[in-house]
Amino acid sequence: MSFYKPDLGANPDDPFARDADGKLVRRAFWLDMSDRSLVLAMTRGVGAPLTASEKRAHLEDVDRSHLIDEVCTQEILPPERK
Protein backbone atom coordinates (compact mmCIF):
# COMPACT_ATOMS: atom_id res chain seq x y z
CA MET A 1 0.00 0.00 0.00
CA SER A 2 1.16 3.50 -0.71
CA PHE A 3 0.37 5.58 2.33
CA TYR A 4 0.47 9.37 2.30
CA LYS A 5 3.74 10.62 3.80
CA PRO A 6 3.17 14.03 5.41
CA ASP A 7 5.90 16.60 5.98
CA LEU A 8 6.27 16.21 9.75
CA GLY A 9 8.78 19.07 9.86
CA ALA A 10 6.06 21.46 8.74
CA ASN A 11 3.26 19.81 10.72
CA PRO A 12 4.44 17.41 13.45
CA ASP A 13 0.84 16.75 14.58
CA ASP A 14 -0.37 15.59 11.17
CA PRO A 15 -3.11 12.97 11.64
CA PHE A 16 -1.56 10.88 8.84
CA ALA A 17 1.80 10.51 10.65
CA ARG A 18 3.27 7.00 10.78
CA ASP A 19 6.02 5.53 12.91
CA ALA A 20 9.18 3.81 11.65
CA ASP A 21 7.23 0.55 11.22
CA GLY A 22 4.58 2.26 9.09
CA LYS A 23 1.91 2.15 11.80
CA LEU A 24 -0.49 5.07 12.09
CA VAL A 25 0.55 7.17 15.12
CA ARG A 26 -2.79 8.91 15.67
CA ARG A 27 -5.00 5.89 14.99
CA ALA A 28 -7.46 6.86 17.76
CA PHE A 29 -8.08 10.17 15.96
CA TRP A 30 -9.52 8.23 13.03
CA LEU A 31 -11.21 5.45 14.97
CA ASP A 32 -13.12 7.92 17.15
CA MET A 33 -14.77 9.52 14.09
CA SER A 34 -18.19 8.51 12.83
CA ASP A 35 -18.37 7.33 9.22
CA ARG A 36 -19.93 10.62 8.18
CA SER A 37 -17.18 12.67 9.85
CA LEU A 38 -14.51 10.51 8.28
CA VAL A 39 -16.00 10.95 4.81
CA LEU A 40 -16.04 14.73 5.31
CA ALA A 41 -12.47 14.77 6.65
CA MET A 42 -11.24 12.79 3.65
CA THR A 43 -13.19 14.71 1.00
CA ARG A 44 -13.28 18.29 2.30
CA GLY A 45 -10.86 18.36 5.22
CA VAL A 46 -7.36 17.11 5.99
CA GLY A 47 -7.57 14.24 3.50
CA ALA A 48 -8.76 16.27 0.51
CA PRO A 49 -5.28 16.72 -1.05
CA LEU A 50 -4.49 12.99 -0.95
CA THR A 51 -4.59 10.88 -4.10
CA ALA A 52 -7.33 8.29 -4.48
CA SER A 53 -4.86 5.46 -3.87
CA GLU A 54 -3.58 7.14 -0.67
CA LYS A 55 -7.15 7.63 0.55
CA ARG A 56 -8.00 4.01 -0.26
CA ALA A 57 -4.92 2.72 1.60
CA HIS A 58 -5.72 4.89 4.62
CA LEU A 59 -9.37 3.78 4.77
CA GLU A 60 -8.34 0.13 4.56
CA ASP A 61 -5.79 0.68 7.32
CA VAL A 62 -8.39 2.13 9.71
CA ASP A 63 -10.87 -0.64 8.86
CA ARG A 64 -13.27 1.62 6.97
CA SER A 65 -12.99 0.11 3.50
CA HIS A 66 -16.77 0.28 3.22
CA LEU A 67 -16.36 4.06 2.76
CA ILE A 68 -14.02 3.86 -0.23
CA ASP A 69 -16.77 4.43 -2.81
CA GLU A 70 -17.96 7.56 -0.97
CA VAL A 71 -14.48 9.00 -0.51
CA CYS A 72 -12.78 7.99 -3.75
CA THR A 73 -15.11 9.18 -6.46
CA GLN A 74 -14.27 7.68 -9.79
CA GLU A 75 -13.30 10.05 -12.52
CA ILE A 76 -15.26 9.47 -15.72
CA LEU A 77 -13.16 10.18 -18.77
CA PRO A 78 -14.72 11.09 -22.12
CA PRO A 79 -14.17 8.63 -24.96
CA GLU A 80 -11.02 9.13 -27.00
CA ARG A 81 -11.44 10.89 -30.30
CA LYS A 82 -9.68 9.41 -33.27
PDB file of N, CA and C in Angstrom:
ATOM      1  N   MET A   1       0.839  -1.189   0.000  1.00  0.00           N
ATOM      2  CA  MET A   1       0.000   0.000   0.000  1.00  0.00           C
ATOM      3  C   MET A   1       0.875   1.240   0.000  1.00  0.00           C
ATOM      4  N   SER A   2       0.406   2.241  -0.694  1.00  0.00           N
ATOM      5  CA  SER A   2       1.155   3.502  -0.714  1.00  0.00           C
ATOM      6  C   SER A   2       0.443   4.511   0.176  1.00  0.00           C
ATOM      7  N   PHE A   3       0.953   4.644   1.387  1.00  0.00           N
ATOM      8  CA  PHE A   3       0.369   5.583   2.331  1.00  0.00           C
ATOM      9  C   PHE A   3       0.893   6.981   2.064  1.00  0.00           C
ATOM     10  N   TYR A   4       0.080   7.967   2.378  1.00  0.00           N
ATOM     11  CA  TYR A   4       0.473   9.365   2.299  1.00  0.00           C
ATOM     12  C   TYR A   4       1.581   9.604   3.325  1.00  0.00           C
ATOM     13  N   LYS A   5       2.618  10.317   2.914  1.00  0.00           N
ATOM     14  CA  LYS A   5       3.738  10.624   3.803  1.00  0.00           C
ATOM     15  C   LYS A   5       3.777  12.130   4.029  1.00  0.00           C
ATOM     16  N   PRO A   6       3.212  12.594   5.152  1.00  0.00           N
ATOM     17  CA  PRO A   6       3.175  14.034   5.411  1.00  0.00           C
ATOM     18  C   PRO A   6       4.551  14.597   5.764  1.00  0.00           C
ATOM     19  N   ASP A   7       4.692  15.894   5.585  1.00  0.00           N
ATOM     20  CA  ASP A   7       5.903  16.598   5.985  1.00  0.00           C
ATOM     21  C   ASP A   7       5.782  16.901   7.477  1.00  0.00           C
ATOM     22  N   LEU A   8       6.387  16.051   8.298  1.00  0.00           N
ATOM     23  CA  LEU A   8       6.274  16.206   9.749  1.00  0.00           C
ATOM     24  C   LEU A   8       7.097  17.370  10.273  1.00  0.00           C
ATOM     25  N   GLY A   9       8.028  17.871   9.470  1.00  0.00           N
ATOM     26  CA  GLY A   9       8.776  19.067   9.860  1.00  0.00           C
ATOM     27  C   GLY A   9       7.874  20.287   9.843  1.00  0.00           C
ATOM     28  N   ALA A  10       6.987  20.349   8.861  1.00  0.00           N
ATOM     29  CA  ALA A  10       6.065  21.464   8.745  1.00  0.00           C
ATOM     30  C   ALA A  10       4.858  21.305   9.671  1.00  0.00           C
ATOM     31  N   ASN A  11       4.423  20.063   9.882  1.00  0.00           N
ATOM     32  CA  ASN A  11       3.257  19.811  10.722  1.00  0.00           C
ATOM     33  C   ASN A  11       3.472  18.516  11.520  1.00  0.00           C
ATOM     34  N   PRO A  12       4.126  18.617  12.674  1.00  0.00           N
ATOM     35  CA  PRO A  12       4.440  17.411  13.450  1.00  0.00           C
ATOM     36  C   PRO A  12       3.213  16.698  14.018  1.00  0.00           C
ATOM     37  N   ASP A  13       2.069  17.360  14.052  1.00  0.00           N
ATOM     38  CA  ASP A  13       0.843  16.755  14.577  1.00  0.00           C
ATOM     39  C   ASP A  13      -0.082  16.256  13.474  1.00  0.00           C
ATOM     40  N   ASP A  14       0.441  16.042  12.300  1.00  0.00           N
ATOM     41  CA  ASP A  14      -0.371  15.593  11.172  1.00  0.00           C
ATOM     42  C   ASP A  14      -1.074  14.278  11.519  1.00  0.00           C
ATOM     43  N   PRO A  15      -2.386  14.185  11.296  1.00  0.00           N
ATOM     44  CA  PRO A  15      -3.113  12.965  11.644  1.00  0.00           C
ATOM     45  C   PRO A  15      -2.756  11.761  10.768  1.00  0.00           C
ATOM     46  N   PHE A  16      -1.987  11.972   9.703  1.00  0.00           N
ATOM     47  CA  PHE A  16      -1.561  10.879   8.837  1.00  0.00           C
ATOM     48  C   PHE A  16      -0.157  10.373   9.180  1.00  0.00           C
ATOM     49  N   ALA A  17       0.440  10.890  10.259  1.00  0.00           N
ATOM     50  CA  ALA A  17       1.804  10.508  10.647  1.00  0.00           C
ATOM     51  C   ALA A  17       1.891   9.015  10.946  1.00  0.00           C
ATOM     52  N   ARG A  18       3.013   8.422  10.543  1.00  0.00           N
ATOM     53  CA  ARG A  18       3.270   7.000  10.776  1.00  0.00           C
ATOM     54  C   ARG A  18       4.625   6.846  11.443  1.00  0.00           C
ATOM     55  N   ASP A  19       4.754   5.778  12.226  1.00  0.00           N
ATOM     56  CA  ASP A  19       6.019   5.530  12.908  1.00  0.00           C
ATOM     57  C   ASP A  19       6.987   4.815  11.960  1.00  0.00           C
ATOM     58  N   ALA A  20       8.151   4.446  12.467  1.00  0.00           N
ATOM     59  CA  ALA A  20       9.181   3.806  11.648  1.00  0.00           C
ATOM     60  C   ALA A  20       8.718   2.474  11.065  1.00  0.00           C
ATOM     61  N   ASP A  21       7.763   1.822  11.715  1.00  0.00           N
ATOM     62  CA  ASP A  21       7.232   0.546  11.219  1.00  0.00           C
ATOM     63  C   ASP A  21       6.052   0.734  10.272  1.00  0.00           C
ATOM     64  N   GLY A  22       5.687   1.981   9.992  1.00  0.00           N
ATOM     65  CA  GLY A  22       4.576   2.259   9.095  1.00  0.00           C
ATOM     66  C   GLY A  22       3.214   2.232   9.753  1.00  0.00           C
ATOM     67  N   LYS A  23       3.189   2.174  11.090  1.00  0.00           N
ATOM     68  CA  LYS A  23       1.908   2.147  11.804  1.00  0.00           C
ATOM     69  C   LYS A  23       1.423   3.572  12.057  1.00  0.00           C
ATOM     70  N   LEU A  24       0.131   3.766  11.899  1.00  0.00           N
ATOM     71  CA  LEU A  24      -0.491   5.070  12.089  1.00  0.00           C
ATOM     72  C   LEU A  24      -0.340   5.508  13.543  1.00  0.00           C
ATOM     73  N   VAL A  25       0.273   6.672  13.776  1.00  0.00           N
ATOM     74  CA  VAL A  25       0.546   7.166  15.121  1.00  0.00           C
ATOM     75  C   VAL A  25      -0.737   7.636  15.808  1.00  0.00           C
ATOM     76  N   ARG A  26      -1.561   8.349  15.095  1.00  0.00           N
ATOM     77  CA  ARG A  26      -2.793   8.907  15.674  1.00  0.00           C
ATOM     78  C   ARG A  26      -4.024   8.101  15.249  1.00  0.00           C
ATOM     79  N   ARG A  27      -3.930   6.803  15.395  1.00  0.00           N
ATOM     80  CA  ARG A  27      -5.001   5.886  14.989  1.00  0.00           C
ATOM     81  C   ARG A  27      -6.315   6.208  15.708  1.00  0.00           C
ATOM     82  N   ALA A  28      -6.253   6.552  16.992  1.00  0.00           N
ATOM     83  CA  ALA A  28      -7.462   6.864  17.764  1.00  0.00           C
ATOM     84  C   ALA A  28      -8.201   8.064  17.176  1.00  0.00           C
ATOM     85  N   PHE A  29      -7.462   9.006  16.608  1.00  0.00           N
ATOM     86  CA  PHE A  29      -8.081  10.172  15.964  1.00  0.00           C
ATOM     87  C   PHE A  29      -9.080   9.711  14.909  1.00  0.00           C
ATOM     88  N   TRP A  30      -8.673   8.723  14.117  1.00  0.00           N
ATOM     89  CA  TRP A  30      -9.517   8.225  13.032  1.00  0.00           C
ATOM     90  C   TRP A  30     -10.594   7.269  13.529  1.00  0.00           C
ATOM     91  N   LEU A  31     -10.250   6.431  14.483  1.00  0.00           N
ATOM     92  CA  LEU A  31     -11.207   5.446  14.974  1.00  0.00           C
ATOM     93  C   LEU A  31     -12.336   6.077  15.775  1.00  0.00           C
ATOM     94  N   ASP A  32     -12.093   7.240  16.360  1.00  0.00           N
ATOM     95  CA  ASP A  32     -13.119   7.924  17.146  1.00  0.00           C
ATOM     96  C   ASP A  32     -14.129   8.674  16.277  1.00  0.00           C
ATOM     97  N   MET A  33     -13.864   8.801  14.994  1.00  0.00           N
ATOM     98  CA  MET A  33     -14.768   9.516  14.091  1.00  0.00           C
ATOM     99  C   MET A  33     -15.913   8.618  13.640  1.00  0.00           C
ATOM    100  N   SER A  34     -17.074   9.233  13.445  1.00  0.00           N
ATOM    101  CA  SER A  34     -18.185   8.512  12.830  1.00  0.00           C
ATOM    102  C   SER A  34     -17.872   8.363  11.337  1.00  0.00           C
ATOM    103  N   ASP A  35     -18.579   7.494  10.662  1.00  0.00           N
ATOM    104  CA  ASP A  35     -18.367   7.326   9.222  1.00  0.00           C
ATOM    105  C   ASP A  35     -18.577   8.641   8.482  1.00  0.00           C
ATOM    106  N   ARG A  36     -19.619   9.353   8.847  1.00  0.00           N
ATOM    107  CA  ARG A  36     -19.934  10.618   8.182  1.00  0.00           C
ATOM    108  C   ARG A  36     -18.808  11.637   8.365  1.00  0.00           C
ATOM    109  N   SER A  37     -18.288  11.744   9.585  1.00  0.00           N
ATOM    110  CA  SER A  37     -17.181  12.674   9.853  1.00  0.00           C
ATOM    111  C   SER A  37     -15.934  12.270   9.088  1.00  0.00           C
ATOM    112  N   LEU A  38     -15.685  10.991   8.999  1.00  0.00           N
ATOM    113  CA  LEU A  38     -14.505  10.506   8.283  1.00  0.00           C
ATOM    114  C   LEU A  38     -14.616  10.811   6.791  1.00  0.00           C
ATOM    115  N   VAL A  39     -15.793  10.623   6.225  1.00  0.00           N
ATOM    116  CA  VAL A  39     -15.997  10.954   4.815  1.00  0.00           C
ATOM    117  C   VAL A  39     -15.738  12.439   4.584  1.00  0.00           C
ATOM    118  N   LEU A  40     -16.268  13.288   5.450  1.00  0.00           N
ATOM    119  CA  LEU A  40     -16.044  14.730   5.308  1.00  0.00           C
ATOM    120  C   LEU A  40     -14.573  15.094   5.476  1.00  0.00           C
ATOM    121  N   ALA A  41     -13.894  14.480   6.428  1.00  0.00           N
ATOM    122  CA  ALA A  41     -12.474  14.765   6.647  1.00  0.00           C
ATOM    123  C   ALA A  41     -11.635  14.361   5.435  1.00  0.00           C
ATOM    124  N   MET A  42     -12.014  13.276   4.792  1.00  0.00           N
ATOM    125  CA  MET A  42     -11.235  12.792   3.651  1.00  0.00           C
ATOM    126  C   MET A  42     -11.588  13.500   2.344  1.00  0.00           C
ATOM    127  N   THR A  43     -12.786  14.060   2.244  1.00  0.00           N
ATOM    128  CA  THR A  43     -13.188  14.713   0.997  1.00  0.00           C
ATOM    129  C   THR A  43     -13.072  16.233   1.030  1.00  0.00           C
ATOM    130  N   ARG A  44     -13.289  16.826   2.213  1.00  0.00           N
ATOM    131  CA  ARG A  44     -13.280  18.289   2.302  1.00  0.00           C
ATOM    132  C   ARG A  44     -12.317  18.829   3.342  1.00  0.00           C
ATOM    133  N   GLY A  45     -11.729  17.941   4.131  1.00  0.00           N
ATOM    134  CA  GLY A  45     -10.855  18.364   5.221  1.00  0.00           C
ATOM    135  C   GLY A  45      -9.409  17.960   4.986  1.00  0.00           C
ATOM    136  N   VAL A  46      -8.795  17.416   6.022  1.00  0.00           N
ATOM    137  CA  VAL A  46      -7.361  17.109   5.991  1.00  0.00           C
ATOM    138  C   VAL A  46      -6.980  16.099   4.916  1.00  0.00           C
ATOM    139  N   GLY A  47      -7.892  15.261   4.499  1.00  0.00           N
ATOM    140  CA  GLY A  47      -7.573  14.243   3.500  1.00  0.00           C
ATOM    141  C   GLY A  47      -7.828  14.658   2.075  1.00  0.00           C
ATOM    142  N   ALA A  48      -8.406  15.825   1.862  1.00  0.00           N
ATOM    143  CA  ALA A  48      -8.759  16.270   0.508  1.00  0.00           C
ATOM    144  C   ALA A  48      -7.582  16.269  -0.469  1.00  0.00           C
ATOM    145  N   PRO A  49      -6.370  16.695  -0.078  1.00  0.00           N
ATOM    146  CA  PRO A  49      -5.277  16.723  -1.054  1.00  0.00           C
ATOM    147  C   PRO A  49      -4.670  15.356  -1.388  1.00  0.00           C
ATOM    148  N   LEU A  50      -5.051  14.307  -0.695  1.00  0.00           N
ATOM    149  CA  LEU A  50      -4.485  12.995  -0.946  1.00  0.00           C
ATOM    150  C   LEU A  50      -4.980  12.425  -2.275  1.00  0.00           C
ATOM    151  N   THR A  51      -4.167  11.564  -2.876  1.00  0.00           N
ATOM    152  CA  THR A  51      -4.593  10.885  -4.095  1.00  0.00           C
ATOM    153  C   THR A  51      -5.612   9.812  -3.729  1.00  0.00           C
ATOM    154  N   ALA A  52      -6.328   9.329  -4.716  1.00  0.00           N
ATOM    155  CA  ALA A  52      -7.334   8.287  -4.479  1.00  0.00           C
ATOM    156  C   ALA A  52      -6.691   7.028  -3.904  1.00  0.00           C
ATOM    157  N   SER A  53      -5.514   6.670  -4.377  1.00  0.00           N
ATOM    158  CA  SER A  53      -4.856   5.455  -3.866  1.00  0.00           C
ATOM    159  C   SER A  53      -4.399   5.648  -2.419  1.00  0.00           C
ATOM    160  N   GLU A  54      -3.965   6.852  -2.058  1.00  0.00           N
ATOM    161  CA  GLU A  54      -3.580   7.135  -0.673  1.00  0.00           C
ATOM    162  C   GLU A  54      -4.800   7.111   0.240  1.00  0.00           C
ATOM    163  N   LYS A  55      -5.914   7.659  -0.236  1.00  0.00           N
ATOM    164  CA  LYS A  55      -7.152   7.627   0.551  1.00  0.00           C
ATOM    165  C   LYS A  55      -7.614   6.193   0.750  1.00  0.00           C
ATOM    166  N   ARG A  56      -7.575   5.409  -0.319  1.00  0.00           N
ATOM    167  CA  ARG A  56      -7.997   4.010  -0.258  1.00  0.00           C
ATOM    168  C   ARG A  56      -7.141   3.233   0.745  1.00  0.00           C
ATOM    169  N   ALA A  57      -5.837   3.413   0.688  1.00  0.00           N
ATOM    170  CA  ALA A  57      -4.925   2.717   1.603  1.00  0.00           C
ATOM    171  C   ALA A  57      -5.203   3.122   3.047  1.00  0.00           C
ATOM    172  N   HIS A  58      -5.456   4.404   3.266  1.00  0.00           N
ATOM    173  CA  HIS A  58      -5.723   4.891   4.620  1.00  0.00           C
ATOM    174  C   HIS A  58      -7.036   4.312   5.157  1.00  0.00           C
ATOM    175  N   LEU A  59      -8.075   4.318   4.344  1.00  0.00           N
ATOM    176  CA  LEU A  59      -9.368   3.781   4.774  1.00  0.00           C
ATOM    177  C   LEU A  59      -9.279   2.288   5.087  1.00  0.00           C
ATOM    178  N   GLU A  60      -8.533   1.561   4.291  1.00  0.00           N
ATOM    179  CA  GLU A  60      -8.343   0.135   4.562  1.00  0.00           C
ATOM    180  C   GLU A  60      -7.580  -0.061   5.864  1.00  0.00           C
ATOM    181  N   ASP A  61      -6.604   0.798   6.112  1.00  0.00           N
ATOM    182  CA  ASP A  61      -5.790   0.685   7.322  1.00  0.00           C
ATOM    183  C   ASP A  61      -6.596   0.947   8.594  1.00  0.00           C
ATOM    184  N   VAL A  62      -7.573   1.836   8.526  1.00  0.00           N
ATOM    185  CA  VAL A  62      -8.392   2.134   9.714  1.00  0.00           C
ATOM    186  C   VAL A  62      -9.703   1.337   9.700  1.00  0.00           C
ATOM    187  N   ASP A  63      -9.718   0.277   8.931  1.00  0.00           N
ATOM    188  CA  ASP A  63     -10.871  -0.644   8.857  1.00  0.00           C
ATOM    189  C   ASP A  63     -12.168   0.048   8.449  1.00  0.00           C
ATOM    190  N   ARG A  64     -12.068   0.944   7.480  1.00  0.00           N
ATOM    191  CA  ARG A  64     -13.266   1.623   6.970  1.00  0.00           C
ATOM    192  C   ARG A  64     -13.352   1.476   5.447  1.00  0.00           C
ATOM    193  N   SER A  65     -12.979   0.313   4.950  1.00  0.00           N
ATOM    194  CA  SER A  65     -12.987   0.110   3.500  1.00  0.00           C
ATOM    195  C   SER A  65     -14.381   0.244   2.899  1.00  0.00           C
ATOM    196  N   HIS A  66     -15.415   0.118   3.725  1.00  0.00           N
ATOM    197  CA  HIS A  66     -16.774   0.280   3.220  1.00  0.00           C
ATOM    198  C   HIS A  66     -17.070   1.729   2.801  1.00  0.00           C
ATOM    199  N   LEU A  67     -16.175   2.653   3.119  1.00  0.00           N
ATOM    200  CA  LEU A  67     -16.359   4.061   2.756  1.00  0.00           C
ATOM    201  C   LEU A  67     -15.601   4.461   1.495  1.00  0.00           C
ATOM    202  N   ILE A  68     -14.866   3.536   0.918  1.00  0.00           N
ATOM    203  CA  ILE A  68     -14.015   3.865  -0.232  1.00  0.00           C
ATOM    204  C   ILE A  68     -14.824   4.469  -1.373  1.00  0.00           C
ATOM    205  N   ASP A  69     -15.971   3.905  -1.696  1.00  0.00           N
ATOM    206  CA  ASP A  69     -16.774   4.432  -2.806  1.00  0.00           C
ATOM    207  C   ASP A  69     -17.260   5.858  -2.559  1.00  0.00           C
ATOM    208  N   GLU A  70     -17.516   6.198  -1.301  1.00  0.00           N
ATOM    209  CA  GLU A  70     -17.963   7.556  -0.974  1.00  0.00           C
ATOM    210  C   GLU A  70     -16.815   8.555  -1.010  1.00  0.00           C
ATOM    211  N   VAL A  71     -15.638   8.111  -0.608  1.00  0.00           N
ATOM    212  CA  VAL A  71     -14.479   9.005  -0.506  1.00  0.00           C
ATOM    213  C   VAL A  71     -13.733   9.120  -1.828  1.00  0.00           C
ATOM    214  N   CYS A  72     -13.565   8.023  -2.501  1.00  0.00           N
ATOM    215  CA  CYS A  72     -12.782   7.991  -3.746  1.00  0.00           C
ATOM    216  C   CYS A  72     -13.728   7.959  -4.938  1.00  0.00           C
ATOM    217  N   THR A  73     -14.217   9.115  -5.316  1.00  0.00           N
ATOM    218  CA  THR A  73     -15.112   9.177  -6.465  1.00  0.00           C
ATOM    219  C   THR A  73     -14.330   8.840  -7.717  1.00  0.00           C
ATOM    220  N   GLN A  74     -14.948   8.070  -8.571  1.00  0.00           N
ATOM    221  CA  GLN A  74     -14.271   7.678  -9.794  1.00  0.00           C
ATOM    222  C   GLN A  74     -14.413   8.779 -10.830  1.00  0.00           C
ATOM    223  N   GLU A  75     -13.314   9.032 -11.488  1.00  0.00           N
ATOM    224  CA  GLU A  75     -13.297  10.054 -12.521  1.00  0.00           C
ATOM    225  C   GLU A  75     -13.750   9.404 -13.826  1.00  0.00           C
ATOM    226  N   ILE A  76     -14.747   9.998 -14.448  1.00  0.00           N
ATOM    227  CA  ILE A  76     -15.258   9.474 -15.718  1.00  0.00           C
ATOM    228  C   ILE A  76     -14.597  10.255 -16.828  1.00  0.00           C
ATOM    229  N   LEU A  77     -13.876   9.538 -17.671  1.00  0.00           N
ATOM    230  CA  LEU A  77     -13.162  10.177 -18.773  1.00  0.00           C
ATOM    231  C   LEU A  77     -13.998  10.089 -20.042  1.00  0.00           C
ATOM    232  N   PRO A  78     -13.982  11.139 -20.845  1.00  0.00           N
ATOM    233  CA  PRO A  78     -14.717  11.085 -22.115  1.00  0.00           C
ATOM    234  C   PRO A  78     -14.037  10.100 -23.050  1.00  0.00           C
ATOM    235  N   PRO A  79     -14.778   9.552 -24.010  1.00  0.00           N
ATOM    236  CA  PRO A  79     -14.172   8.627 -24.962  1.00  0.00           C
ATOM    237  C   PRO A  79     -13.093   9.326 -25.799  1.00  0.00           C
ATOM    238  N   GLU A  80     -12.099   8.567 -26.176  1.00  0.00           N
ATOM    239  CA  GLU A  80     -11.023   9.133 -27.000  1.00  0.00           C
ATOM    240  C   GLU A  80     -11.524   9.416 -28.391  1.00  0.00           C
ATOM    241  N   ARG A  81     -11.080  10.535 -28.905  1.00  0.00           N
ATOM    242  CA  ARG A  81     -11.439  10.889 -30.300  1.00  0.00           C
ATOM    243  C   ARG A  81     -10.322  10.436 -31.204  1.00  0.00           C
ATOM    244  N   LYS A  82     -10.707   9.915 -32.324  1.00  0.00           N
ATOM    245  CA  LYS A  82      -9.684   9.411 -33.268  1.00  0.00           C
ATOM    246  C   LYS A  82      -9.434  10.361 -34.375  1.00  0.00           C
TER     247      LYS A  82
END
